[in-house]
Amino acid sequence: MATVYKVLAQAVSTTSEATLYTTPALTSTVVSTIVIANQDSTAATFTIVVRPSADGSTTAKHYIAKTVTVGASDTTALTLGITLAAGDLIRVLASTTTCSFAAFGSEIS
């Protein structure tokens, strides 16, 4: 089995839930850190969802952060150690489009 340490995904936020990362087929992933950066001069909120591939839509059990405030021109780093199977998703949204998300970790295949 090969383990690759990498930037898993980077994206600018949307104000509706969008996929940040999907674990590739025949792969497991360990997400070590998710960083949220607010480039705006006012505070914003963010939400992060981890959803197994077998679950068709987001429900309350999938939230790992819901409407969390990140200050103006500030960054929040969440060190989590999330494990994902093939097809599992990380989905994100923010109250503004001035936030960016970055996920770092390793893929094992």
N, C-alpha and C. Protein backbone atom coordinates (compact mmCIF):
# COMPACT_ATOMS: atom_id res chain seq x y z
N MET A 1 0.84 -1.18 0.00
CA MET A 1 0.00 0.00 0.00
C MET A 1 0.89 1.25 0.00
N ALA A 2 0.52 2.19 -0.84
CA ALA A 2 1.27 3.45 -0.93
C ALA A 2 0.51 4.54 -0.18
N THR A 3 1.26 5.35 0.55
CA THR A 3 0.69 6.50 1.26
C THR A 3 1.28 7.77 0.66
N VAL A 4 0.41 8.67 0.23
CA VAL A 4 0.85 9.94 -0.35
C VAL A 4 0.33 11.06 0.53
N TYR A 5 1.26 11.87 1.07
CA TYR A 5 0.92 13.03 1.88
C TYR A 5 0.76 14.22 0.95
N LYS A 6 -0.36 14.95 1.07
CA LYS A 6 -0.62 15.97 0.06
C LYS A 6 -1.64 17.00 0.50
N VAL A 7 -1.75 18.05 -0.31
CA VAL A 7 -2.88 18.96 -0.23
C VAL A 7 -4.03 18.21 -0.88
N LEU A 8 -5.03 17.88 -0.11
CA LEU A 8 -6.15 17.10 -0.64
C LEU A 8 -7.08 17.94 -1.51
N ALA A 9 -7.33 19.18 -1.08
CA ALA A 9 -8.25 20.04 -1.82
C ALA A 9 -8.12 21.48 -1.34
N GLN A 10 -8.39 22.40 -2.24
CA GLN A 10 -8.46 23.82 -1.91
C GLN A 10 -9.60 24.42 -2.72
N ALA A 11 -10.39 25.28 -2.08
CA ALA A 11 -11.51 25.89 -2.79
C ALA A 11 -11.93 27.19 -2.10
N VAL A 12 -12.49 28.08 -2.88
CA VAL A 12 -13.12 29.28 -2.35
C VAL A 12 -14.55 28.90 -2.00
N SER A 13 -15.04 29.44 -0.90
CA SER A 13 -16.35 29.04 -0.40
C SER A 13 -17.49 29.52 -1.29
N THR A 14 -18.58 28.80 -1.15
CA THR A 14 -19.84 29.23 -1.72
C THR A 14 -20.82 29.36 -0.54
N THR A 15 -21.92 30.01 -0.77
CA THR A 15 -22.90 30.18 0.31
C THR A 15 -23.92 29.05 0.34
N SER A 16 -23.70 28.04 -0.48
CA SER A 16 -24.49 26.81 -0.39
C SER A 16 -23.51 25.64 -0.32
N GLU A 17 -23.94 24.55 0.26
CA GLU A 17 -23.06 23.40 0.49
C GLU A 17 -22.48 22.89 -0.83
N ALA A 18 -21.14 22.72 -0.84
CA ALA A 18 -20.45 22.24 -2.04
C ALA A 18 -19.37 21.24 -1.61
N THR A 19 -19.03 20.34 -2.50
CA THR A 19 -18.02 19.33 -2.19
C THR A 19 -16.62 19.93 -2.25
N LEU A 20 -15.88 19.78 -1.17
CA LEU A 20 -14.47 20.18 -1.12
C LEU A 20 -13.59 19.02 -1.56
N TYR A 21 -13.92 17.79 -1.11
CA TYR A 21 -13.06 16.63 -1.40
C TYR A 21 -13.90 15.36 -1.43
N THR A 22 -13.58 14.50 -2.38
CA THR A 22 -14.16 13.16 -2.46
C THR A 22 -13.02 12.16 -2.49
N THR A 23 -13.05 11.16 -1.62
CA THR A 23 -12.01 10.14 -1.60
C THR A 23 -12.08 9.32 -2.89
N PRO A 24 -10.95 9.20 -3.60
CA PRO A 24 -10.95 8.43 -4.85
C PRO A 24 -11.28 6.95 -4.63
N ALA A 25 -11.68 6.29 -5.71
CA ALA A 25 -11.94 4.85 -5.67
C ALA A 25 -10.70 4.10 -5.25
N LEU A 26 -10.88 3.00 -4.55
CA LEU A 26 -9.79 2.12 -4.09
C LEU A 26 -8.78 2.84 -3.21
N THR A 27 -9.24 3.85 -2.48
CA THR A 27 -8.36 4.68 -1.66
C THR A 27 -9.03 4.94 -0.32
N SER A 28 -8.21 5.05 0.71
CA SER A 28 -8.63 5.55 2.02
C SER A 28 -7.89 6.86 2.24
N THR A 29 -8.48 7.75 3.02
CA THR A 29 -7.86 9.05 3.25
C THR A 29 -7.88 9.35 4.74
N VAL A 30 -6.79 9.97 5.20
CA VAL A 30 -6.74 10.54 6.54
C VAL A 30 -6.58 12.05 6.37
N VAL A 31 -7.58 12.79 6.79
CA VAL A 31 -7.55 14.25 6.71
C VAL A 31 -6.98 14.75 8.03
N SER A 32 -5.79 15.31 7.97
CA SER A 32 -5.16 15.76 9.20
C SER A 32 -5.63 17.14 9.63
N THR A 33 -5.75 18.05 8.65
CA THR A 33 -6.10 19.43 9.00
C THR A 33 -6.96 20.05 7.91
N ILE A 34 -7.93 20.85 8.34
CA ILE A 34 -8.71 21.69 7.44
C ILE A 34 -8.50 23.12 7.90
N VAL A 35 -8.12 23.99 6.96
CA VAL A 35 -7.87 25.40 7.26
C VAL A 35 -8.93 26.24 6.58
N ILE A 36 -9.51 27.17 7.34
CA ILE A 36 -10.50 28.09 6.81
C ILE A 36 -9.93 29.49 6.94
N ALA A 37 -9.80 30.21 5.84
CA ALA A 37 -9.25 31.57 5.85
C ALA A 37 -10.33 32.55 5.39
N ASN A 38 -10.56 33.56 6.20
CA ASN A 38 -11.54 34.60 5.87
C ASN A 38 -10.79 35.82 5.37
N GLN A 39 -10.91 36.15 4.10
CA GLN A 39 -10.20 37.29 3.53
C GLN A 39 -10.98 38.60 3.63
N ASP A 40 -12.14 38.56 4.26
CA ASP A 40 -12.99 39.75 4.36
C ASP A 40 -12.66 40.56 5.61
N SER A 41 -13.07 41.83 5.61
CA SER A 41 -12.83 42.70 6.77
C SER A 41 -13.95 42.60 7.80
N THR A 42 -14.87 41.66 7.60
CA THR A 42 -15.91 41.39 8.59
C THR A 42 -15.91 39.88 8.89
N ALA A 43 -16.40 39.53 10.04
CA ALA A 43 -16.46 38.11 10.44
C ALA A 43 -17.37 37.33 9.50
N ALA A 44 -17.11 36.04 9.40
CA ALA A 44 -17.93 35.14 8.59
C ALA A 44 -18.18 33.87 9.39
N THR A 45 -19.06 33.03 8.90
CA THR A 45 -19.28 31.72 9.52
C THR A 45 -19.04 30.64 8.48
N PHE A 46 -18.66 29.44 8.97
CA PHE A 46 -18.45 28.32 8.07
C PHE A 46 -19.06 27.07 8.65
N THR A 47 -19.34 26.12 7.77
CA THR A 47 -19.89 24.82 8.12
C THR A 47 -19.10 23.76 7.37
N ILE A 48 -18.79 22.65 8.05
CA ILE A 48 -18.11 21.52 7.42
C ILE A 48 -18.91 20.26 7.69
N VAL A 49 -19.09 19.48 6.64
CA VAL A 49 -19.86 18.23 6.69
C VAL A 49 -18.95 17.10 6.23
N VAL A 50 -18.97 15.98 6.95
CA VAL A 50 -18.31 14.75 6.49
C VAL A 50 -19.41 13.73 6.27
N ARG A 51 -19.52 13.26 5.01
CA ARG A 51 -20.64 12.39 4.65
C ARG A 51 -20.13 11.11 4.00
N PRO A 52 -20.45 9.96 4.58
CA PRO A 52 -20.11 8.69 3.93
C PRO A 52 -20.80 8.59 2.57
N SER A 53 -20.16 7.85 1.67
CA SER A 53 -20.71 7.73 0.31
C SER A 53 -22.08 7.06 0.30
N ALA A 54 -22.35 6.22 1.27
CA ALA A 54 -23.64 5.50 1.31
C ALA A 54 -24.80 6.41 1.68
N ASP A 55 -24.52 7.54 2.30
CA ASP A 55 -25.58 8.47 2.69
C ASP A 55 -25.84 9.44 1.55
N GLY A 56 -27.06 9.49 1.08
CA GLY A 56 -27.39 10.27 -0.10
C GLY A 56 -27.45 11.77 0.06
N SER A 57 -27.75 12.24 1.26
CA SER A 57 -27.84 13.68 1.47
C SER A 57 -27.40 14.01 2.89
N THR A 58 -27.10 15.27 3.11
CA THR A 58 -26.62 15.73 4.41
C THR A 58 -27.75 15.75 5.43
N THR A 59 -27.48 15.17 6.60
CA THR A 59 -28.40 15.23 7.73
C THR A 59 -27.62 15.71 8.95
N ALA A 60 -28.28 15.91 10.05
CA ALA A 60 -27.67 16.46 11.26
C ALA A 60 -26.44 15.67 11.72
N LYS A 61 -26.42 14.36 11.53
CA LYS A 61 -25.31 13.54 12.01
C LYS A 61 -24.00 13.78 11.26
N HIS A 62 -24.03 14.45 10.12
CA HIS A 62 -22.84 14.65 9.29
C HIS A 62 -22.03 15.90 9.64
N TYR A 63 -22.57 16.80 10.43
CA TYR A 63 -21.88 18.06 10.72
C TYR A 63 -20.73 17.85 11.69
N ILE A 64 -19.54 18.37 11.31
CA ILE A 64 -18.43 18.39 12.27
C ILE A 64 -18.16 19.82 12.74
N ALA A 65 -18.67 20.79 12.00
CA ALA A 65 -18.64 22.20 12.41
C ALA A 65 -19.84 22.86 11.75
N LYS A 66 -20.64 23.57 12.54
CA LYS A 66 -21.86 24.17 11.98
C LYS A 66 -21.95 25.62 12.42
N THR A 67 -21.92 26.50 11.44
CA THR A 67 -22.05 27.93 11.64
C THR A 67 -21.05 28.45 12.68
N VAL A 68 -19.79 28.10 12.47
CA VAL A 68 -18.69 28.51 13.36
C VAL A 68 -18.13 29.84 12.84
N THR A 69 -17.89 30.77 13.74
CA THR A 69 -17.40 32.09 13.34
C THR A 69 -15.88 32.07 13.14
N VAL A 70 -15.46 32.69 12.05
CA VAL A 70 -14.04 32.97 11.82
C VAL A 70 -13.95 34.49 11.68
N GLY A 71 -13.06 35.08 12.45
CA GLY A 71 -12.97 36.53 12.53
C GLY A 71 -12.58 37.20 11.22
N ALA A 72 -12.73 38.50 11.19
CA ALA A 72 -12.33 39.28 10.02
C ALA A 72 -10.84 39.10 9.77
N SER A 73 -10.47 38.85 8.54
CA SER A 73 -9.07 38.67 8.13
C SER A 73 -8.35 37.69 9.03
N ASP A 74 -9.02 36.60 9.39
CA ASP A 74 -8.46 35.62 10.32
C ASP A 74 -8.51 34.23 9.69
N THR A 75 -7.81 33.30 10.34
CA THR A 75 -7.74 31.91 9.89
C THR A 75 -8.06 30.98 11.04
N THR A 76 -8.78 29.92 10.76
CA THR A 76 -9.06 28.87 11.73
C THR A 76 -8.51 27.56 11.16
N ALA A 77 -7.72 26.85 11.97
CA ALA A 77 -7.19 25.55 11.55
C ALA A 77 -7.77 24.48 12.47
N LEU A 78 -8.36 23.46 11.88
CA LEU A 78 -8.94 22.35 12.63
C LEU A 78 -8.09 21.11 12.39
N THR A 79 -7.41 20.63 13.41
CA THR A 79 -6.62 19.41 13.31
C THR A 79 -7.46 18.28 13.84
N LEU A 80 -7.86 17.35 12.94
CA LEU A 80 -8.94 16.44 13.26
C LEU A 80 -8.60 14.95 13.14
N GLY A 81 -7.82 14.54 12.18
CA GLY A 81 -7.57 13.12 11.98
C GLY A 81 -8.79 12.36 11.49
N ILE A 82 -9.51 12.92 10.55
CA ILE A 82 -10.72 12.30 10.00
C ILE A 82 -10.31 11.18 9.05
N THR A 83 -10.95 10.03 9.17
CA THR A 83 -10.68 8.92 8.25
C THR A 83 -11.85 8.76 7.29
N LEU A 84 -11.52 8.59 6.02
CA LEU A 84 -12.54 8.48 4.97
C LEU A 84 -12.29 7.24 4.13
N ALA A 85 -13.36 6.59 3.73
CA ALA A 85 -13.29 5.46 2.81
C ALA A 85 -13.55 5.98 1.39
N ALA A 86 -13.32 5.12 0.41
CA ALA A 86 -13.55 5.50 -0.99
C ALA A 86 -14.96 6.05 -1.16
N GLY A 87 -15.05 7.21 -1.83
CA GLY A 87 -16.34 7.82 -2.11
C GLY A 87 -16.86 8.74 -1.03
N ASP A 88 -16.27 8.73 0.17
CA ASP A 88 -16.73 9.63 1.23
C ASP A 88 -16.40 11.07 0.87
N LEU A 89 -17.21 12.00 1.38
CA LEU A 89 -17.12 13.41 0.99
C LEU A 89 -16.85 14.34 2.17
N ILE A 90 -16.15 15.43 1.88
CA ILE A 90 -16.12 16.59 2.77
C ILE A 90 -16.81 17.70 2.01
N ARG A 91 -17.83 18.28 2.64
CA ARG A 91 -18.58 19.36 2.01
C ARG A 91 -18.50 20.59 2.90
N VAL A 92 -18.50 21.77 2.29
CA VAL A 92 -18.31 23.01 3.03
C VAL A 92 -19.25 24.10 2.52
N LEU A 93 -19.44 25.08 3.35
CA LEU A 93 -20.11 26.31 2.94
C LEU A 93 -19.74 27.40 3.92
N ALA A 94 -19.93 28.64 3.51
CA ALA A 94 -19.65 29.79 4.38
C ALA A 94 -20.73 30.83 4.16
N SER A 95 -20.76 31.80 5.07
CA SER A 95 -21.76 32.86 4.97
C SER A 95 -21.41 33.89 3.91
N THR A 96 -20.20 33.80 3.38
CA THR A 96 -19.72 34.72 2.36
C THR A 96 -18.80 33.98 1.39
N THR A 97 -18.58 34.54 0.24
CA THR A 97 -17.68 33.91 -0.73
C THR A 97 -16.24 34.37 -0.56
N THR A 98 -15.93 35.01 0.55
CA THR A 98 -14.57 35.48 0.80
C THR A 98 -13.78 34.54 1.71
N CYS A 99 -14.31 33.38 1.98
CA CYS A 99 -13.59 32.37 2.76
C CYS A 99 -13.00 31.32 1.81
N SER A 100 -11.86 30.78 2.19
CA SER A 100 -11.30 29.67 1.44
C SER A 100 -11.08 28.50 2.38
N PHE A 101 -11.13 27.30 1.81
CA PHE A 101 -10.95 26.07 2.57
C PHE A 101 -9.78 25.30 1.96
N ALA A 102 -8.97 24.70 2.81
CA ALA A 102 -7.89 23.83 2.35
C ALA A 102 -7.85 22.60 3.26
N ALA A 103 -7.78 21.42 2.65
CA ALA A 103 -7.70 20.18 3.40
C ALA A 103 -6.35 19.53 3.11
N PHE A 104 -5.69 19.07 4.18
CA PHE A 104 -4.37 18.46 4.07
C PHE A 104 -4.43 17.07 4.71
N GLY A 105 -3.71 16.11 4.14
CA GLY A 105 -3.72 14.78 4.71
C GLY A 105 -2.99 13.79 3.84
N SER A 106 -3.41 12.53 3.93
CA SER A 106 -2.75 11.48 3.17
C SER A 106 -3.79 10.55 2.54
N GLU A 107 -3.45 10.08 1.34
CA GLU A 107 -4.26 9.10 0.65
C GLU A 107 -3.51 7.78 0.65
N ILE A 108 -4.21 6.70 0.98
CA ILE A 108 -3.62 5.37 1.06
C ILE A 108 -4.28 4.49 0.02
N SER A 109 -3.48 3.96 -0.89
CA SER A 109 -4.04 3.12 -1.95
C SER A 109 -3.16 1.90 -2.18
